[in-house]
Protein backbone atom coordinates (compact mmCIF):
# COMPACT_ATOMS: atom_id res chain seq x y z
CA MET A 1 66.37 113.68 121.60
CA ARG A 2 65.30 111.51 124.56
CA ARG A 3 68.18 112.85 126.66
CA ASP A 4 67.28 116.45 125.86
CA ALA A 5 63.65 115.85 126.82
CA MET A 6 64.72 114.22 130.10
CA HIS A 7 67.11 117.09 130.82
CA GLN A 8 64.40 119.68 130.23
CA TYR A 9 61.85 117.83 132.35
CA ILE A 10 64.28 117.19 135.21
CA ASN A 11 65.38 120.82 135.28
CA SER A 12 61.73 121.87 135.62
CA LEU A 13 61.26 119.84 138.81
CA PRO A 14 60.81 121.72 142.10
CA ASP A 15 64.16 122.26 143.83
CA PRO A 16 63.70 119.59 146.55
CA ASN A 17 62.66 116.97 143.97
CA TYR A 18 65.55 117.89 141.69
CA ALA A 19 68.06 117.69 144.54
CA THR A 20 66.77 114.30 145.68
CA LEU A 21 66.79 112.86 142.17
CA ARG A 22 70.29 114.26 141.58
CA VAL A 23 71.73 112.59 144.69
CA LEU A 24 70.04 109.29 143.85
CA VAL A 25 71.14 109.28 140.20
CA LEU A 26 74.73 110.23 141.02
CA HIS A 27 74.83 107.39 143.55
CA LEU A 28 73.33 104.87 141.12
CA HIS A 29 75.81 105.96 138.47
CA ARG A 30 78.66 105.22 140.91
CA VAL A 31 77.07 101.83 141.62
CA SER A 32 77.00 101.10 137.87
CA LEU A 33 80.72 101.83 137.63
CA GLN A 34 81.29 98.84 139.93
CA SER A 35 79.05 96.50 137.91
CA GLY A 36 81.89 94.02 137.47
CA LEU A 37 81.67 93.34 141.19
CA ASN A 38 78.02 93.94 141.99
CA LYS A 39 76.32 92.89 138.68
CA MET A 40 74.28 96.12 138.75
CA ASP A 41 74.89 97.63 135.34
CA ILE A 42 72.74 100.48 134.00
CA ARG A 43 70.19 98.06 132.54
CA ASN A 44 69.71 96.25 135.86
CA LEU A 45 69.54 99.53 137.77
CA GLY A 46 66.91 100.74 135.31
CA ILE A 47 64.85 97.60 135.85
CA VAL A 48 65.00 97.93 139.63
CA PHE A 49 64.75 101.68 140.09
CA GLY A 50 62.73 102.81 137.04
CA PRO A 51 59.32 101.75 138.38
CA THR A 52 60.24 102.84 141.91
CA VAL A 53 61.48 106.33 141.04
CA LEU A 54 58.94 107.05 138.31
CA GLY A 55 56.09 105.65 140.35
CA GLY A 56 52.95 103.86 139.48
CA GLY A 57 51.87 100.34 140.23
CA ASN A 58 50.91 99.62 136.64
CA VAL A 59 52.98 96.72 135.29
CA GLN A 60 52.43 97.86 131.68
CA ASP A 61 54.37 101.07 132.45
CA ALA A 62 57.47 99.25 133.70
CA GLY A 63 59.04 99.07 130.24
CA TRP A 64 59.08 102.81 129.57
CA GLN A 65 60.00 103.54 133.20
CA THR A 66 63.03 101.27 132.80
CA LYS A 67 64.05 103.01 129.56
CA VAL A 68 63.70 106.46 131.12
CA MET A 69 65.88 105.47 134.08
CA GLU A 70 68.47 103.91 131.76
CA THR A 71 68.57 107.11 129.71
CA ILE A 72 69.07 109.22 132.82
CA LEU A 73 71.86 106.94 134.06
CA HIS A 74 73.58 106.82 130.65
CA HIS A 75 73.63 110.62 130.55
CA THR A 76 74.11 111.38 134.25
CA TYR A 77 76.81 114.02 133.82
CA GLU A 78 75.04 115.66 130.88
CA ILE A 79 71.84 116.02 132.91
CA PHE A 80 73.32 116.74 136.35
CA ASP A 81 76.38 118.79 137.22
CA PRO A 82 78.46 116.59 139.53
CA ASP A 83 79.80 119.64 141.39
CA GLU A 84 76.51 121.38 142.31
């Protein structure tokens, strides 16, 4: 359900925002595939990039921002077509 909501929201973004997010998420997904070397698994990437990508300086929002980013990264190829 969370993935479907993210997919719907992401697809409703303006084209430049969608394209930027797509490139970033595909890159972060590739980074996560090398987590054995770089220690940046999906959880760590969510912690670092969730608040940055989803914005806001409110510390209380960091938890849900992290979860949203983790969900996007877990379902990268279901949300974004890798060949667009």
